[in-house]
Amino acid sequence: MSTSGNAQRRPSQLFRNLNAKVASIPMILTALLVFLGGTVWTIVYSFTNSKLLPRLKFVGLDQYERLWSAPRWLTSIENLLVYGVLSLIFSLVIGFVLAALLDQKIRFEGVFRTIFLYPFALSFVVTGLTWQWILNPDFGVQNIVRAMGWESFTFNPLYDQDIVIYGILIAGLWQGTGLIMCLMLAGLRGIDEDIWKAARVDGIPMWKTYLFIVIPMMRPVFITTLVIIASGIVRLYDLVVAQTSGGPGGASEVPAKYVYDYMFLAQNLGQGFAASTMMLLSVAIIVVPWAYLEFGGHKRG
């Protein structure tokens, strides 16, 4: 009888943590009305011929056909792919190597950690302007090296259409690698010390310990890091505007800038909405597999 009485007094699942659920209602409404509503609105109007103002005059897939036949959009996609792949690889490799070095309990670790993380505290605009000055051939790296005697030295990536995206990549890596290092360092510090001791007793080389034992154990950290890097890649805009404004000759265009220019400068909302929808699709391609790996695995377990 006491058992049945406890079952009756036990609150239902709906009313557990009621205060927290009530407090989250404004955020849930914001997400539904602003984010979800705005997303649906953008997708719907991407099938219209909206210009300066949105209007419900559907034109089917015309905006998407025009989008994928535009050389500027194709250039922006190519740049994003180059920037994205290289940023993903170098951010992970450099961040993990720096974290592994700091994990050796070196002296002044806090100082080095602060130095590496400091660029992340700067805005992308400040970072872009700083690296625009550093890479300027008249008073940047090229000028300094030539002043040292190497007159034929050439290093002006922001003024070369073929390699301008790599100049933007340098600035992006400089700013974002410190955060990746901190995430990796937190993951390394979570590895049980007994694992390291057992590897040393068995005579396993350190690089094999990292490659076959430590890195697989850090799978959740790597997944989270990949999502953070990928979301930053898709949103790439500030660095490009600050460093090149899309030049030279449109060689450094990216999708986010394409969307902004068509929506606010060219006053072609339909084309901007179509480009935004394609960016949204790319984000979904990133988020859906992440959600499956993070939450689907727990359900199976």
C-alpha atoms as a PDB file:
ATOM      1  CA  MET A   1       0.000   0.000   0.000  1.00  0.00           C
ATOM      2  CA  SER A   2       2.839   2.327   0.784  1.00  0.00           C
ATOM      3  CA  THR A   3       4.315   1.559  -2.612  1.00  0.00           C
ATOM      4  CA  SER A   4       1.120   2.502  -4.399  1.00  0.00           C
ATOM      5  CA  GLY A   5       0.896   5.637  -2.243  1.00  0.00           C
ATOM      6  CA  ASN A   6       4.419   6.678  -3.277  1.00  0.00           C
ATOM      7  CA  ALA A   7       3.518   6.069  -6.915  1.00  0.00           C
ATOM      8  CA  GLN A   8       0.496   8.320  -6.558  1.00  0.00           C
ATOM      9  CA  ARG A   9       2.515  11.077  -4.895  1.00  0.00           C
ATOM     10  CA  ARG A  10       5.310  10.870  -7.462  1.00  0.00           C
ATOM     11  CA  PRO A  11       4.928  13.729  -9.971  1.00  0.00           C
ATOM     12  CA  SER A  12       4.416  12.837 -13.579  1.00  0.00           C
ATOM     13  CA  GLN A  13       7.173  13.361 -16.131  1.00  0.00           C
ATOM     14  CA  LEU A  14       5.377  16.446 -17.436  1.00  0.00           C
ATOM     15  CA  PHE A  15       5.599  18.303 -14.110  1.00  0.00           C
ATOM     16  CA  ARG A  16       9.170  17.409 -13.190  1.00  0.00           C
ATOM     17  CA  ASN A  17      11.506  20.404 -13.107  1.00  0.00           C
ATOM     18  CA  LEU A  18       8.474  22.586 -13.711  1.00  0.00           C
ATOM     19  CA  ASN A  19      10.247  25.853 -12.832  1.00  0.00           C
ATOM     20  CA  ALA A  20      12.998  25.192 -15.372  1.00  0.00           C
ATOM     21  CA  LYS A  21      10.458  24.306 -18.050  1.00  0.00           C
ATOM     22  CA  VAL A  22       8.433  27.464 -17.410  1.00  0.00           C
ATOM     23  CA  ALA A  23      11.606  29.581 -17.506  1.00  0.00           C
ATOM     24  CA  SER A  24      12.546  28.081 -20.891  1.00  0.00           C
ATOM     25  CA  ILE A  25       9.214  28.987 -22.530  1.00  0.00           C
ATOM     26  CA  PRO A  26      10.397  32.438 -23.793  1.00  0.00           C
ATOM     27  CA  MET A  27      13.447  30.873 -25.436  1.00  0.00           C
ATOM     28  CA  ILE A  28      11.343  28.106 -26.997  1.00  0.00           C
ATOM     29  CA  LEU A  29       8.909  30.674 -28.399  1.00  0.00           C
ATOM     30  CA  THR A  30      11.804  32.750 -29.704  1.00  0.00           C
ATOM     31  CA  ALA A  31      13.271  29.722 -31.442  1.00  0.00           C
ATOM     32  CA  LEU A  32       9.930  28.766 -32.984  1.00  0.00           C
ATOM     33  CA  LEU A  33       8.828  32.243 -34.054  1.00  0.00           C
ATOM     34  CA  VAL A  34      12.120  33.865 -34.996  1.00  0.00           C
ATOM     35  CA  PHE A  35      14.477  31.112 -36.095  1.00  0.00           C
ATOM     36  CA  LEU A  36      12.082  28.491 -37.425  1.00  0.00           C
ATOM     37  CA  GLY A  37       9.609  31.082 -38.721  1.00  0.00           C
ATOM     38  CA  GLY A  38      12.368  33.095 -40.378  1.00  0.00           C
ATOM     39  CA  THR A  39      13.785  29.963 -41.966  1.00  0.00           C
ATOM     40  CA  VAL A  40      10.439  28.925 -43.455  1.00  0.00           C
ATOM     41  CA  TRP A  41       9.811  32.498 -44.621  1.00  0.00           C
ATOM     42  CA  THR A  42      13.183  32.624 -46.376  1.00  0.00           C
ATOM     43  CA  ILE A  43      12.642  29.294 -48.117  1.00  0.00           C
ATOM     44  CA  VAL A  44       9.146  30.250 -49.307  1.00  0.00           C
ATOM     45  CA  TYR A  45      10.247  33.611 -50.709  1.00  0.00           C
ATOM     46  CA  SER A  46      13.239  32.032 -52.436  1.00  0.00           C
ATOM     47  CA  PHE A  47      10.711  30.718 -54.988  1.00  0.00           C
ATOM     48  CA  THR A  48       9.416  34.231 -55.747  1.00  0.00           C
ATOM     49  CA  ASN A  49      10.707  37.110 -57.867  1.00  0.00           C
ATOM     50  CA  SER A  50      10.990  39.483 -54.901  1.00  0.00           C
ATOM     51  CA  LYS A  51      13.157  42.505 -55.645  1.00  0.00           C
ATOM     52  CA  LEU A  52      13.328  45.517 -53.325  1.00  0.00           C
ATOM     53  CA  LEU A  53      10.400  44.251 -51.229  1.00  0.00           C
ATOM     54  CA  PRO A  54       9.156  40.673 -50.721  1.00  0.00           C
ATOM     55  CA  ARG A  55       6.144  39.687 -52.793  1.00  0.00           C
ATOM     56  CA  LEU A  56       4.380  36.374 -53.264  1.00  0.00           C
ATOM     57  CA  LYS A  57       4.723  35.969 -57.009  1.00  0.00           C
ATOM     58  CA  PHE A  58       6.090  32.455 -57.432  1.00  0.00           C
ATOM     59  CA  VAL A  59       8.496  31.718 -60.260  1.00  0.00           C
ATOM     60  CA  GLY A  60       9.328  28.112 -59.408  1.00  0.00           C
ATOM     61  CA  LEU A  61      13.014  27.240 -59.517  1.00  0.00           C
ATOM     62  CA  ASP A  62      14.013  30.278 -61.586  1.00  0.00           C
ATOM     63  CA  GLN A  63      16.021  31.845 -58.767  1.00  0.00           C
ATOM     64  CA  TYR A  64      17.956  28.622 -58.187  1.00  0.00           C
ATOM     65  CA  GLU A  65      18.646  28.159 -61.893  1.00  0.00           C
ATOM     66  CA  ARG A  66      19.900  31.734 -62.086  1.00  0.00           C
ATOM     67  CA  LEU A  67      21.951  31.173 -58.927  1.00  0.00           C
ATOM     68  CA  TRP A  68      23.768  28.076 -60.156  1.00  0.00           C
ATOM     69  CA  SER A  69      24.431  29.627 -63.565  1.00  0.00           C
ATOM     70  CA  ALA A  70      26.034  32.748 -62.036  1.00  0.00           C
ATOM     71  CA  PRO A  71      29.872  32.684 -62.296  1.00  0.00           C
ATOM     72  CA  ARG A  72      30.106  34.734 -59.114  1.00  0.00           C
ATOM     73  CA  TRP A  73      28.196  32.131 -57.101  1.00  0.00           C
ATOM     74  CA  LEU A  74      30.247  29.283 -58.559  1.00  0.00           C
ATOM     75  CA  THR A  75      33.434  31.155 -57.635  1.00  0.00           C
ATOM     76  CA  SER A  76      32.162  31.677 -54.090  1.00  0.00           C
ATOM     77  CA  ILE A  77      31.378  27.960 -53.727  1.00  0.00           C
ATOM     78  CA  GLU A  78      34.818  27.021 -55.036  1.00  0.00           C
ATOM     79  CA  ASN A  79      36.475  29.425 -52.603  1.00  0.00           C
ATOM     80  CA  LEU A  80      34.431  28.106 -49.708  1.00  0.00           C
ATOM     81  CA  LEU A  81      35.373  24.520 -50.536  1.00  0.00           C
ATOM     82  CA  VAL A  82      39.088  25.373 -50.732  1.00  0.00           C
ATOM     83  CA  TYR A  83      38.964  27.446 -47.570  1.00  0.00           C
ATOM     84  CA  GLY A  84      36.794  24.901 -45.772  1.00  0.00           C
ATOM     85  CA  VAL A  85      38.854  21.799 -46.503  1.00  0.00           C
ATOM     86  CA  LEU A  86      42.181  23.457 -45.707  1.00  0.00           C
ATOM     87  CA  SER A  87      40.814  25.225 -42.628  1.00  0.00           C
ATOM     88  CA  LEU A  88      39.372  21.977 -41.314  1.00  0.00           C
ATOM     89  CA  ILE A  89      42.622  20.051 -41.813  1.00  0.00           C
ATOM     90  CA  PHE A  90      45.061  22.687 -40.572  1.00  0.00           C
ATOM     91  CA  SER A  91      42.898  23.771 -37.617  1.00  0.00           C
ATOM     92  CA  LEU A  92      42.628  20.214 -36.337  1.00  0.00           C
ATOM     93  CA  VAL A  93      46.269  19.318 -36.944  1.00  0.00           C
ATOM     94  CA  ILE A  94      47.792  22.532 -35.577  1.00  0.00           C
ATOM     95  CA  GLY A  95      45.333  22.712 -32.681  1.00  0.00           C
ATOM     96  CA  PHE A  96      45.968  19.123 -31.651  1.00  0.00           C
ATOM     97  CA  VAL A  97      49.752  19.436 -31.945  1.00  0.00           C
ATOM     98  CA  LEU A  98      49.781  22.598 -29.830  1.00  0.00           C
ATOM     99  CA  ALA A  99      47.503  20.937 -27.263  1.00  0.00           C
ATOM    100  CA  ALA A 100      49.752  17.865 -27.128  1.00  0.00           C
ATOM    101  CA  LEU A 101      52.792  20.071 -26.552  1.00  0.00           C
ATOM    102  CA  LEU A 102      51.074  22.038 -23.790  1.00  0.00           C
ATOM    103  CA  ASP A 103      49.899  18.786 -22.201  1.00  0.00           C
ATOM    104  CA  GLN A 104      53.524  17.898 -21.441  1.00  0.00           C
ATOM    105  CA  LYS A 105      53.329  20.110 -18.314  1.00  0.00           C
ATOM    106  CA  ILE A 106      55.770  22.647 -19.728  1.00  0.00           C
ATOM    107  CA  ARG A 107      56.786  25.778 -17.841  1.00  0.00           C
ATOM    108  CA  PHE A 108      54.722  28.920 -18.368  1.00  0.00           C
ATOM    109  CA  GLU A 109      51.899  26.858 -19.815  1.00  0.00           C
ATOM    110  CA  GLY A 110      49.352  29.496 -18.820  1.00  0.00           C
ATOM    111  CA  VAL A 111      51.299  32.187 -20.663  1.00  0.00           C
ATOM    112  CA  PHE A 112      51.520  30.141 -23.865  1.00  0.00           C
ATOM    113  CA  ARG A 113      47.865  29.171 -23.626  1.00  0.00           C
ATOM    114  CA  THR A 114      46.887  32.832 -23.316  1.00  0.00           C
ATOM    115  CA  ILE A 115      49.089  33.837 -26.259  1.00  0.00           C
ATOM    116  CA  PHE A 116      47.602  31.174 -28.521  1.00  0.00           C
ATOM    117  CA  LEU A 117      44.019  31.899 -27.462  1.00  0.00           C
ATOM    118  CA  TYR A 118      44.288  35.701 -27.543  1.00  0.00           C
ATOM    119  CA  PRO A 119      43.579  36.085 -31.312  1.00  0.00           C
ATOM    120  CA  PHE A 120      40.180  34.443 -30.772  1.00  0.00           C
ATOM    121  CA  ALA A 121      39.207  37.399 -28.565  1.00  0.00           C
ATOM    122  CA  LEU A 122      39.576  39.749 -31.542  1.00  0.00           C
ATOM    123  CA  SER A 123      36.767  40.333 -34.000  1.00  0.00           C
ATOM    124  CA  PHE A 124      37.106  39.035 -37.541  1.00  0.00           C
ATOM    125  CA  VAL A 125      37.165  42.620 -38.800  1.00  0.00           C
ATOM    126  CA  VAL A 126      40.168  43.489 -36.629  1.00  0.00           C
ATOM    127  CA  THR A 127      41.872  40.251 -37.642  1.00  0.00           C
ATOM    128  CA  GLY A 128      41.195  40.911 -41.316  1.00  0.00           C
ATOM    129  CA  LEU A 129      42.514  44.465 -41.198  1.00  0.00           C
ATOM    130  CA  THR A 130      45.600  43.346 -39.275  1.00  0.00           C
ATOM    131  CA  TRP A 131      46.463  40.656 -41.800  1.00  0.00           C
ATOM    132  CA  GLN A 132      45.647  42.979 -44.664  1.00  0.00           C
ATOM    133  CA  TRP A 133      48.470  45.185 -43.381  1.00  0.00           C
ATOM    134  CA  ILE A 134      50.807  42.226 -42.733  1.00  0.00           C
ATOM    135  CA  LEU A 135      50.284  40.840 -46.251  1.00  0.00           C
ATOM    136  CA  ASN A 136      50.455  44.213 -47.979  1.00  0.00           C
ATOM    137  CA  PRO A 137      53.437  44.107 -50.387  1.00  0.00           C
ATOM    138  CA  ASP A 138      54.298  47.775 -49.817  1.00  0.00           C
ATOM    139  CA  PHE A 139      54.864  47.665 -46.048  1.00  0.00           C
ATOM    140  CA  GLY A 140      54.179  44.101 -44.917  1.00  0.00           C
ATOM    141  CA  VAL A 141      56.139  40.854 -45.029  1.00  0.00           C
ATOM    142  CA  GLN A 142      57.296  41.309 -48.615  1.00  0.00           C
ATOM    143  CA  ASN A 143      58.685  44.782 -47.942  1.00  0.00           C
ATOM    144  CA  ILE A 144      60.472  43.656 -44.772  1.00  0.00           C
ATOM    145  CA  VAL A 145      62.141  40.663 -46.460  1.00  0.00           C
ATOM    146  CA  ARG A 146      63.213  42.773 -49.442  1.00  0.00           C
ATOM    147  CA  ALA A 147      64.689  45.354 -47.078  1.00  0.00           C
ATOM    148  CA  MET A 148      66.830  42.536 -45.626  1.00  0.00           C
ATOM    149  CA  GLY A 149      68.445  41.947 -49.033  1.00  0.00           C
ATOM    150  CA  TRP A 150      66.181  39.471 -50.866  1.00  0.00           C
ATOM    151  CA  GLU A 151      65.068  41.862 -53.606  1.00  0.00           C
ATOM    152  CA  SER A 152      63.313  39.175 -55.665  1.00  0.00           C
ATOM    153  CA  PHE A 153      61.153  37.909 -52.792  1.00  0.00           C
ATOM    154  CA  THR A 154      57.443  38.062 -53.610  1.00  0.00           C
ATOM    155  CA  PHE A 155      54.632  37.468 -51.144  1.00  0.00           C
ATOM    156  CA  ASN A 156      51.379  39.270 -51.937  1.00  0.00           C
ATOM    157  CA  PRO A 157      48.566  36.695 -51.734  1.00  0.00           C
ATOM    158  CA  LEU A 158      45.793  39.259 -51.303  1.00  0.00           C
ATOM    159  CA  TYR A 159      46.658  40.835 -54.668  1.00  0.00           C
ATOM    160  CA  ASP A 160      46.911  37.615 -56.660  1.00  0.00           C
ATOM    161  CA  GLN A 161      43.636  36.155 -57.954  1.00  0.00           C
ATOM    162  CA  ASP A 162      45.030  32.618 -57.968  1.00  0.00           C
ATOM    163  CA  ILE A 163      46.059  32.515 -54.287  1.00  0.00           C
ATOM    164  CA  VAL A 164      43.969  35.213 -52.604  1.00  0.00           C
ATOM    165  CA  ILE A 165      41.863  32.645 -50.746  1.00  0.00           C
ATOM    166  CA  TYR A 166      45.034  31.332 -49.103  1.00  0.00           C
ATOM    167  CA  GLY A 167      45.771  34.789 -47.713  1.00  0.00           C
ATOM    168  CA  ILE A 168      42.329  34.774 -46.114  1.00  0.00           C
ATOM    169  CA  LEU A 169      42.987  31.255 -44.842  1.00  0.00           C
ATOM    170  CA  ILE A 170      46.131  32.430 -43.018  1.00  0.00           C
ATOM    171  CA  ALA A 171      44.127  35.031 -41.105  1.00  0.00           C
ATOM    172  CA  GLY A 172      41.372  32.533 -40.316  1.00  0.00           C
ATOM    173  CA  LEU A 173      43.832  29.969 -38.955  1.00  0.00           C
ATOM    174  CA  TRP A 174      45.615  32.589 -36.880  1.00  0.00           C
ATOM    175  CA  GLN A 175      42.391  33.556 -35.164  1.00  0.00           C
ATOM    176  CA  GLY A 176      40.644  30.219 -34.756  1.00  0.00           C
ATOM    177  CA  THR A 177      43.405  27.716 -34.027  1.00  0.00           C
ATOM    178  CA  GLY A 178      43.754  28.849 -30.404  1.00  0.00           C
ATOM    179  CA  LEU A 179      40.176  27.842 -29.605  1.00  0.00           C
ATOM    180  CA  ILE A 180      40.699  24.435 -31.205  1.00  0.00           C
ATOM    181  CA  MET A 181      43.858  24.031 -29.132  1.00  0.00           C
ATOM    182  CA  CYS A 182      41.935  24.720 -25.910  1.00  0.00           C
ATOM    183  CA  LEU A 183      39.206  22.224 -26.821  1.00  0.00           C
ATOM    184  CA  MET A 184      41.794  19.570 -27.617  1.00  0.00           C
ATOM    185  CA  LEU A 185      43.732  20.344 -24.444  1.00  0.00           C
ATOM    186  CA  ALA A 186      40.579  19.904 -22.370  1.00  0.00           C
ATOM    187  CA  GLY A 187      40.031  16.542 -24.055  1.00  0.00           C
ATOM    188  CA  LEU A 188      43.630  15.457 -23.410  1.00  0.00           C
ATOM    189  CA  ARG A 189      43.371  16.447 -19.755  1.00  0.00           C
ATOM    190  CA  GLY A 190      40.350  14.154 -19.499  1.00  0.00           C
ATOM    191  CA  ILE A 191      42.394  11.077 -20.457  1.00  0.00           C
ATOM    192  CA  ASP A 192      43.109   8.844 -17.465  1.00  0.00           C
ATOM    193  CA  GLU A 193      46.751   8.998 -16.376  1.00  0.00           C
ATOM    194  CA  ASP A 194      46.776   5.213 -16.003  1.00  0.00           C
ATOM    195  CA  ILE A 195      46.420   4.880 -19.781  1.00  0.00           C
ATOM    196  CA  TRP A 196      49.634   6.809 -20.312  1.00  0.00           C
ATOM    197  CA  LYS A 197      51.411   4.736 -17.668  1.00  0.00           C
ATOM    198  CA  ALA A 198      50.228   1.457 -19.213  1.00  0.00           C
ATOM    199  CA  ALA A 199      51.378   2.594 -22.668  1.00  0.00           C
ATOM    200  CA  ARG A 200      54.832   3.463 -21.312  1.00  0.00           C
ATOM    201  CA  VAL A 201      55.094   0.121 -19.487  1.00  0.00           C
ATOM    202  CA  ASP A 202      54.193  -1.741 -22.693  1.00  0.00           C
ATOM    203  CA  GLY A 203      56.812   0.239 -24.594  1.00  0.00           C
ATOM    204  CA  ILE A 204      54.317   1.798 -27.015  1.00  0.00           C
ATOM    205  CA  PRO A 205      55.797   4.851 -28.800  1.00  0.00           C
ATOM    206  CA  MET A 206      54.138   8.136 -27.919  1.00  0.00           C
ATOM    207  CA  TRP A 207      52.938   8.790 -31.456  1.00  0.00           C
ATOM    208  CA  LYS A 208      51.191   5.393 -31.540  1.00  0.00           C
ATOM    209  CA  THR A 209      49.626   6.117 -28.143  1.00  0.00           C
ATOM    210  CA  TYR A 210      48.166   9.340 -29.502  1.00  0.00           C
ATOM    211  CA  LEU A 211      47.109   7.852 -32.836  1.00  0.00           C
ATOM    212  CA  PHE A 212      45.571   4.529 -31.759  1.00  0.00           C
ATOM    213  CA  ILE A 213      44.520   5.131 -28.144  1.00  0.00           C
ATOM    214  CA  VAL A 214      44.116   8.796 -27.232  1.00  0.00           C
ATOM    215  CA  ILE A 215      42.516  10.156 -30.403  1.00  0.00           C
ATOM    216  CA  PRO A 216      39.787   7.436 -30.545  1.00  0.00           C
ATOM    217  CA  MET A 217      38.988   8.192 -26.895  1.00  0.00           C
ATOM    218  CA  MET A 218      38.578  11.884 -27.784  1.00  0.00           C
ATOM    219  CA  ARG A 219      35.889  11.188 -30.381  1.00  0.00           C
ATOM    220  CA  PRO A 220      33.247  13.471 -28.750  1.00  0.00           C
ATOM    221  CA  VAL A 221      35.763  16.332 -28.595  1.00  0.00           C
ATOM    222  CA  PHE A 222      36.638  15.896 -32.267  1.00  0.00           C
ATOM    223  CA  ILE A 223      32.977  15.802 -33.307  1.00  0.00           C
ATOM    224  CA  THR A 224      32.188  18.986 -31.379  1.00  0.00           C
ATOM    225  CA  THR A 225      35.288  20.670 -32.782  1.00  0.00           C
ATOM    226  CA  LEU A 226      34.362  19.683 -36.335  1.00  0.00           C
ATOM    227  CA  VAL A 227      30.896  21.214 -35.936  1.00  0.00           C
ATOM    228  CA  ILE A 228      32.366  24.465 -34.562  1.00  0.00           C
ATOM    229  CA  ILE A 229      34.889  24.731 -37.392  1.00  0.00           C
ATOM    230  CA  ALA A 230      32.345  23.822 -40.076  1.00  0.00           C
ATOM    231  CA  SER A 231      29.778  26.359 -38.852  1.00  0.00           C
ATOM    232  CA  GLY A 232      32.451  29.061 -38.928  1.00  0.00           C
ATOM    233  CA  ILE A 233      33.419  28.094 -42.475  1.00  0.00           C
ATOM    234  CA  VAL A 234      29.858  28.398 -43.770  1.00  0.00           C
ATOM    235  CA  ARG A 235      29.490  31.836 -42.115  1.00  0.00           C
ATOM    236  CA  LEU A 236      32.757  33.189 -43.548  1.00  0.00           C
ATOM    237  CA  TYR A 237      32.137  36.860 -44.341  1.00  0.00           C
ATOM    238  CA  ASP A 238      33.936  39.339 -42.070  1.00  0.00           C
ATOM    239  CA  LEU A 239      37.458  38.262 -42.985  1.00  0.00           C
ATOM    240  CA  VAL A 240      36.765  38.550 -46.699  1.00  0.00           C
ATOM    241  CA  VAL A 241      35.187  41.993 -46.415  1.00  0.00           C
ATOM    242  CA  ALA A 242      37.949  43.307 -44.155  1.00  0.00           C
ATOM    243  CA  GLN A 243      40.823  41.917 -46.216  1.00  0.00           C
ATOM    244  CA  THR A 244      39.744  42.061 -49.860  1.00  0.00           C
ATOM    245  CA  SER A 245      36.053  43.089 -50.133  1.00  0.00           C
ATOM    246  CA  GLY A 246      35.718  40.153 -52.510  1.00  0.00           C
ATOM    247  CA  GLY A 247      38.593  41.179 -54.781  1.00  0.00           C
ATOM    248  CA  PRO A 248      40.771  41.229 -56.681  1.00  0.00           C
ATOM    249  CA  GLY A 249      38.301  40.906 -59.523  1.00  0.00           C
ATOM    250  CA  GLY A 250      35.816  38.940 -57.425  1.00  0.00           C
ATOM    251  CA  ALA A 251      38.351  36.151 -56.861  1.00  0.00           C
ATOM    252  CA  SER A 252      37.681  35.960 -53.110  1.00  0.00           C
ATOM    253  CA  GLU A 253      33.885  35.938 -53.160  1.00  0.00           C
ATOM    254  CA  VAL A 254      32.130  33.687 -50.629  1.00  0.00           C
ATOM    255  CA  PRO A 255      28.446  32.673 -50.297  1.00  0.00           C
ATOM    256  CA  ALA A 256      27.694  34.886 -47.281  1.00  0.00           C
ATOM    257  CA  LYS A 257      28.929  37.967 -49.141  1.00  0.00           C
ATOM    258  CA  TYR A 258      26.916  36.956 -52.194  1.00  0.00           C
ATOM    259  CA  VAL A 259      23.773  36.827 -50.037  1.00  0.00           C
ATOM    260  CA  TYR A 260      24.460  40.206 -48.430  1.00  0.00           C
ATOM    261  CA  ASP A 261      25.230  41.934 -51.726  1.00  0.00           C
ATOM    262  CA  TYR A 262      22.098  40.671 -53.466  1.00  0.00           C
ATOM    263  CA  MET A 263      19.759  41.371 -50.565  1.00  0.00           C
ATOM    264  CA  PHE A 264      20.997  44.813 -49.572  1.00  0.00           C
ATOM    265  CA  LEU A 265      22.995  46.226 -52.493  1.00  0.00           C
ATOM    266  CA  ALA A 266      21.510  44.696 -55.641  1.00  0.00           C
ATOM    267  CA  GLN A 267      18.017  44.790 -54.051  1.00  0.00           C
ATOM    268  CA  ASN A 268      17.216  41.324 -55.360  1.00  0.00           C
ATOM    269  CA  LEU A 269      15.664  39.579 -52.378  1.00  0.00           C
ATOM    270  CA  GLY A 270      14.599  36.489 -54.300  1.00  0.00           C
ATOM    271  CA  GLN A 271      18.159  35.746 -55.411  1.00  0.00           C
ATOM    272  CA  GLY A 272      19.490  36.464 -51.919  1.00  0.00           C
ATOM    273  CA  PHE A 273      16.892  34.157 -50.370  1.00  0.00           C
ATOM    274  CA  ALA A 274      17.818  31.376 -52.809  1.00  0.00           C
ATOM    275  CA  ALA A 275      21.500  31.703 -51.871  1.00  0.00           C
ATOM    276  CA  SER A 276      20.549  31.783 -48.177  1.00  0.00           C
ATOM    277  CA  THR A 277      18.553  28.590 -48.605  1.00  0.00           C
ATOM    278  CA  MET A 278      21.554  26.854 -50.141  1.00  0.00           C
ATOM    279  CA  MET A 279      23.662  27.968 -47.169  1.00  0.00           C
ATOM    280  CA  LEU A 280      20.958  26.643 -44.843  1.00  0.00           C
ATOM    281  CA  LEU A 281      21.103  23.321 -46.672  1.00  0.00           C
ATOM    282  CA  SER A 282      24.857  23.139 -46.143  1.00  0.00           C
ATOM    283  CA  VAL A 283      24.379  23.791 -42.412  1.00  0.00           C
ATOM    284  CA  ALA A 284      21.769  21.014 -42.259  1.00  0.00           C
ATOM    285  CA  ILE A 285      24.235  18.651 -43.914  1.00  0.00           C
ATOM    286  CA  ILE A 286      26.620  19.413 -41.043  1.00  0.00           C
ATOM    287  CA  VAL A 287      24.161  19.449 -38.141  1.00  0.00           C
ATOM    288  CA  VAL A 288      22.083  16.366 -38.992  1.00  0.00           C
ATOM    289  CA  PRO A 289      25.006  13.885 -39.002  1.00  0.00           C
ATOM    290  CA  TRP A 290      26.353  15.512 -35.823  1.00  0.00           C
ATOM    291  CA  ALA A 291      22.986  15.135 -34.066  1.00  0.00           C
ATOM    292  CA  TYR A 292      22.792  11.515 -35.201  1.00  0.00           C
ATOM    293  CA  LEU A 293      26.289  10.727 -33.918  1.00  0.00           C
ATOM    294  CA  GLU A 294      25.730  12.537 -30.641  1.00  0.00           C
ATOM    295  CA  PHE A 295      22.229  11.389 -29.765  1.00  0.00           C
ATOM    296  CA  GLY A 296      21.508   8.386 -31.973  1.00  0.00           C
ATOM    297  CA  GLY A 297      24.419   6.466 -30.499  1.00  0.00           C
ATOM    298  CA  HIS A 298      23.152   7.004 -26.956  1.00  0.00           C
ATOM    299  CA  LYS A 299      19.760   5.605 -27.892  1.00  0.00           C
ATOM    300  CA  ARG A 300      21.322   2.507 -29.409  1.00  0.00           C
ATOM    301  CA  GLY A 301      23.476   2.062 -26.300  1.00  0.00           C
END
